[in-house]
Amino acid sequence: MNVAEAACSEGETIHNEAFPITPDMVFAAIKAANAEGRRRFT
């Protein structure tokens, strides 16, 4: 969650997206990417 919060801090380019991105959204995406990587490479 620390990484997700840092990605959403003021001044980060994530705020250029068409809709608001929250740390919870980023955290969920990180977890999903990790799960997919584990599924493909283990």
N, C-alpha and C. Protein backbone atom coordinates (compact mmCIF):
# COMPACT_ATOMS: atom_id res chain seq x y z
N MET A 1 0.82 -1.19 0.00
CA MET A 1 0.00 0.00 0.00
C MET A 1 0.87 1.25 0.00
N ASN A 2 2.07 1.16 0.56
CA ASN A 2 2.96 2.32 0.55
C ASN A 2 3.27 2.76 -0.87
N VAL A 3 3.51 1.81 -1.75
CA VAL A 3 3.81 2.13 -3.15
C VAL A 3 2.59 2.76 -3.81
N ALA A 4 1.42 2.21 -3.57
CA ALA A 4 0.19 2.75 -4.15
C ALA A 4 -0.06 4.18 -3.69
N GLU A 5 0.17 4.44 -2.42
CA GLU A 5 -0.01 5.79 -1.90
C GLU A 5 1.01 6.75 -2.50
N ALA A 6 2.24 6.30 -2.66
CA ALA A 6 3.27 7.14 -3.27
C ALA A 6 2.92 7.45 -4.72
N ALA A 7 2.38 6.47 -5.44
CA ALA A 7 2.00 6.67 -6.84
C ALA A 7 0.90 7.71 -6.98
N CYS A 8 0.11 7.87 -5.94
CA CYS A 8 -1.02 8.80 -5.99
C CYS A 8 -0.74 10.13 -5.27
N SER A 9 0.49 10.34 -4.87
CA SER A 9 0.80 11.58 -4.15
C SER A 9 0.71 12.78 -5.08
N GLU A 10 0.58 13.93 -4.49
CA GLU A 10 0.44 15.17 -5.24
C GLU A 10 1.61 15.37 -6.19
N GLY A 11 1.29 15.76 -7.42
CA GLY A 11 2.33 16.02 -8.41
C GLY A 11 2.68 14.82 -9.28
N GLU A 12 2.18 13.64 -8.96
CA GLU A 12 2.48 12.45 -9.75
C GLU A 12 1.65 12.45 -11.04
N THR A 13 2.19 11.83 -12.07
CA THR A 13 1.53 11.82 -13.37
C THR A 13 0.26 10.99 -13.39
N ILE A 14 0.03 10.20 -12.37
CA ILE A 14 -1.21 9.41 -12.31
C ILE A 14 -2.43 10.31 -12.33
N HIS A 15 -2.26 11.56 -11.94
CA HIS A 15 -3.37 12.52 -11.92
C HIS A 15 -3.70 13.03 -13.32
N ASN A 16 -2.97 12.60 -14.34
CA ASN A 16 -3.28 12.95 -15.73
C ASN A 16 -4.31 12.01 -16.34
N GLU A 17 -4.72 11.01 -15.61
CA GLU A 17 -5.72 10.06 -16.12
C GLU A 17 -7.07 10.75 -16.28
N ALA A 18 -7.94 10.15 -17.07
CA ALA A 18 -9.25 10.74 -17.37
C ALA A 18 -10.21 10.70 -16.17
N PHE A 19 -9.90 9.89 -15.17
CA PHE A 19 -10.75 9.79 -13.99
C PHE A 19 -9.86 9.64 -12.77
N PRO A 20 -10.38 9.98 -11.61
CA PRO A 20 -9.55 9.90 -10.39
C PRO A 20 -9.09 8.47 -10.10
N ILE A 21 -7.82 8.33 -9.75
CA ILE A 21 -7.23 7.05 -9.37
C ILE A 21 -6.91 7.11 -7.88
N THR A 22 -7.37 6.12 -7.15
CA THR A 22 -7.14 6.09 -5.71
C THR A 22 -6.04 5.09 -5.37
N PRO A 23 -5.43 5.24 -4.21
CA PRO A 23 -4.45 4.24 -3.78
C PRO A 23 -5.03 2.83 -3.73
N ASP A 24 -6.29 2.70 -3.36
CA ASP A 24 -6.92 1.37 -3.33
C ASP A 24 -6.98 0.76 -4.72
N MET A 25 -7.25 1.58 -5.74
CA MET A 25 -7.28 1.10 -7.12
C MET A 25 -5.90 0.63 -7.56
N VAL A 26 -4.88 1.41 -7.22
CA VAL A 26 -3.51 1.06 -7.59
C VAL A 26 -3.09 -0.21 -6.87
N PHE A 27 -3.42 -0.32 -5.61
CA PHE A 27 -3.07 -1.51 -4.83
C PHE A 27 -3.72 -2.76 -5.43
N ALA A 28 -4.99 -2.64 -5.80
CA ALA A 28 -5.69 -3.77 -6.42
C ALA A 28 -5.04 -4.16 -7.74
N ALA A 29 -4.61 -3.18 -8.52
CA ALA A 29 -3.95 -3.47 -9.79
C ALA A 29 -2.60 -4.16 -9.57
N ILE A 30 -1.86 -3.73 -8.57
CA ILE A 30 -0.57 -4.36 -8.25
C ILE A 30 -0.80 -5.82 -7.85
N LYS A 31 -1.80 -6.05 -7.01
CA LYS A 31 -2.09 -7.42 -6.57
C LYS A 31 -2.52 -8.29 -7.74
N ALA A 32 -3.34 -7.74 -8.65
CA ALA A 32 -3.79 -8.50 -9.80
C ALA A 32 -2.63 -8.82 -10.73
N ALA A 33 -1.74 -7.86 -10.95
CA ALA A 33 -0.57 -8.10 -11.80
C ALA A 33 0.33 -9.16 -11.18
N ASN A 34 0.50 -9.12 -9.88
CA ASN A 34 1.32 -10.11 -9.19
C ASN A 34 0.70 -11.50 -9.33
N ALA A 35 -0.60 -11.60 -9.15
CA ALA A 35 -1.28 -12.89 -9.26
C ALA A 35 -1.14 -13.44 -10.69
N GLU A 36 -1.29 -12.58 -11.68
CA GLU A 36 -1.16 -13.03 -13.06
C GLU A 36 0.27 -13.49 -13.35
N GLY A 37 1.25 -12.76 -12.86
CA GLY A 37 2.64 -13.17 -13.03
C GLY A 37 2.93 -14.52 -12.39
N ARG A 38 2.40 -14.72 -11.20
CA ARG A 38 2.58 -16.01 -10.53
C ARG A 38 1.90 -17.13 -11.30
N ARG A 39 0.71 -16.84 -11.84
CA ARG A 39 -0.02 -17.86 -12.61
C ARG A 39 0.74 -18.25 -13.86
N ARG A 40 1.34 -17.28 -14.53
CA ARG A 40 2.02 -17.56 -15.79
C ARG A 40 3.39 -18.19 -15.62
N PHE A 41 4.09 -17.85 -14.55
CA PHE A 41 5.50 -18.24 -14.44
C PHE A 41 5.82 -19.17 -13.29
N THR A 42 4.82 -19.81 -12.73
CA THR A 42 5.12 -20.80 -11.68
C THR A 42 4.51 -22.13 -12.02
